[in-house]
Amino acid sequence: MAGTDLVLELTVLAVPDCPSLAILERRLAEVLADHPGLVVTRRVITDEAEAARWGMHGSPTLLVDGQDPFAGPGAVPAFACRMYRAENGHLERSPSVDALRRVLAAAGTPG
């Protein structure tokens, strides 16, 4: 809508001392530089029950308005490390900058 600021709820979920979290944070910061009004909440997940309650599909997980846009069909919550399939088919420890931009664009952010 013209003249309306879109507010997305972005949440990063990670297990304590997640080695992949820094990669996601760096890539997300690059994407969010184009969206200065967006705020990210961070939550440390400490057990399997909490992972299930929050919908964490491995660490790190980015939720957009409470949903994991990178979860495949039938994905189940996991208190574990997570790998993401890159555009070239290789596995990475975080979604790419381009993948993060596509997710925010699909959620309705301008630009």
Protein backbone atom coordinates (compact mmCIF):
# COMPACT_ATOMS: atom_id res chain seq x y z
CA MET A 1 0.00 0.00 0.00
CA ALA A 2 1.30 3.44 -0.81
CA GLY A 3 2.23 5.50 2.22
CA THR A 4 2.02 2.53 4.57
CA ASP A 5 5.13 1.23 6.30
CA LEU A 6 5.30 -2.53 6.18
CA VAL A 7 6.28 -4.09 9.48
CA LEU A 8 7.69 -7.59 9.41
CA GLU A 9 8.52 -9.57 12.47
CA LEU A 10 12.00 -11.04 11.92
CA THR A 11 13.33 -13.50 14.48
CA VAL A 12 16.65 -15.31 14.46
CA LEU A 13 16.67 -18.56 16.43
CA ALA A 14 19.94 -20.25 17.34
CA VAL A 15 21.38 -22.74 19.79
CA PRO A 16 24.02 -21.45 22.25
CA ASP A 17 27.39 -20.81 20.57
CA CYS A 18 26.06 -21.71 17.10
CA PRO A 19 29.06 -21.56 14.72
CA SER A 20 26.82 -20.62 11.77
CA LEU A 21 25.06 -17.72 13.48
CA ALA A 22 27.77 -15.17 12.60
CA ILE A 23 27.39 -16.00 8.90
CA LEU A 24 23.61 -15.50 8.99
CA GLU A 25 23.99 -12.30 11.01
CA ARG A 26 26.51 -10.86 8.53
CA ARG A 27 24.38 -11.72 5.49
CA LEU A 28 21.20 -10.49 7.15
CA ALA A 29 22.89 -7.19 8.09
CA GLU A 30 23.83 -6.70 4.43
CA VAL A 31 20.23 -7.24 3.35
CA LEU A 32 18.76 -5.11 6.13
CA ALA A 33 20.97 -2.16 5.17
CA ASP A 34 18.37 -1.66 2.41
CA HIS A 35 15.53 -1.85 4.98
CA PRO A 36 16.59 0.32 7.95
CA GLY A 37 13.15 0.17 9.56
CA LEU A 38 13.18 -3.60 10.01
CA VAL A 39 14.12 -4.92 13.43
CA VAL A 40 15.41 -8.39 14.20
CA THR A 41 14.67 -10.18 17.46
CA ARG A 42 17.17 -12.81 18.52
CA ARG A 43 16.35 -15.81 20.66
CA VAL A 44 18.67 -18.47 22.04
CA ILE A 45 17.03 -21.90 21.95
CA THR A 46 18.23 -24.18 24.74
CA ASP A 47 16.39 -27.48 24.26
CA GLU A 48 14.26 -29.58 21.91
CA ALA A 49 10.96 -28.48 23.46
CA GLU A 50 11.81 -24.83 22.89
CA ALA A 51 12.90 -25.61 19.31
CA ALA A 52 9.52 -27.23 18.70
CA ARG A 53 7.61 -24.37 20.34
CA TRP A 54 9.36 -21.75 18.18
CA GLY A 55 9.43 -23.79 14.96
CA MET A 56 13.23 -23.90 14.72
CA HIS A 57 14.30 -26.26 11.93
CA GLY A 58 17.93 -26.26 13.03
CA SER A 59 20.33 -23.54 14.02
CA PRO A 60 20.31 -20.86 12.79
CA THR A 61 16.71 -20.31 11.66
CA LEU A 62 15.21 -17.05 10.43
CA LEU A 63 11.49 -16.62 11.02
CA VAL A 64 9.55 -14.05 9.00
CA ASP A 65 6.28 -13.25 10.71
CA GLY A 66 6.64 -16.48 12.69
CA GLN A 67 7.22 -18.70 9.65
CA ASP A 68 10.42 -20.31 8.38
CA PRO A 69 10.58 -19.40 4.68
CA PHE A 70 13.47 -21.82 4.10
CA ALA A 71 11.80 -24.92 5.58
CA GLY A 72 11.03 -27.58 3.04
CA PRO A 73 7.80 -29.55 2.91
CA GLY A 74 7.49 -31.83 5.91
CA ALA A 75 10.35 -30.16 7.81
CA VAL A 76 10.19 -30.87 11.51
CA PRO A 77 11.58 -28.77 14.36
CA ALA A 78 15.17 -29.64 15.28
CA PHE A 79 17.57 -28.75 18.05
CA ALA A 80 20.61 -29.23 15.82
CA CYS A 81 22.87 -27.50 13.33
CA ARG A 82 21.24 -26.54 10.06
CA MET A 83 22.42 -26.54 6.48
CA TYR A 84 20.84 -24.61 3.60
CA ARG A 85 20.84 -25.58 -0.08
CA ALA A 86 22.53 -22.81 -2.11
CA GLU A 87 21.52 -21.79 -5.62
CA ASN A 88 24.43 -23.85 -6.99
CA GLY A 89 23.22 -26.95 -5.12
CA HIS A 90 25.96 -26.90 -2.50
CA LEU A 91 25.19 -26.86 1.20
CA GLU A 92 25.90 -23.71 3.21
CA ARG A 93 25.54 -22.78 6.87
CA SER A 94 23.23 -19.83 6.11
CA PRO A 95 20.91 -18.65 3.37
CA SER A 96 22.70 -16.52 0.79
CA VAL A 97 22.27 -12.75 0.62
CA ASP A 98 20.22 -13.21 -2.57
CA ALA A 99 17.99 -15.81 -0.90
CA LEU A 100 17.41 -13.50 2.06
CA ARG A 101 16.53 -10.63 -0.30
CA ARG A 102 14.04 -12.85 -2.15
CA VAL A 103 12.39 -13.86 1.13
CA LEU A 104 11.96 -10.23 2.21
CA ALA A 105 10.67 -9.26 -1.23
CA ALA A 106 8.15 -12.13 -1.13
CA ALA A 107 7.06 -10.90 2.32
CA GLY A 108 6.29 -7.52 0.79
CA THR A 109 9.28 -5.32 1.55
CA PRO A 110 9.95 -2.70 -1.12
CA GLY A 111 13.14 -2.80 -3.13
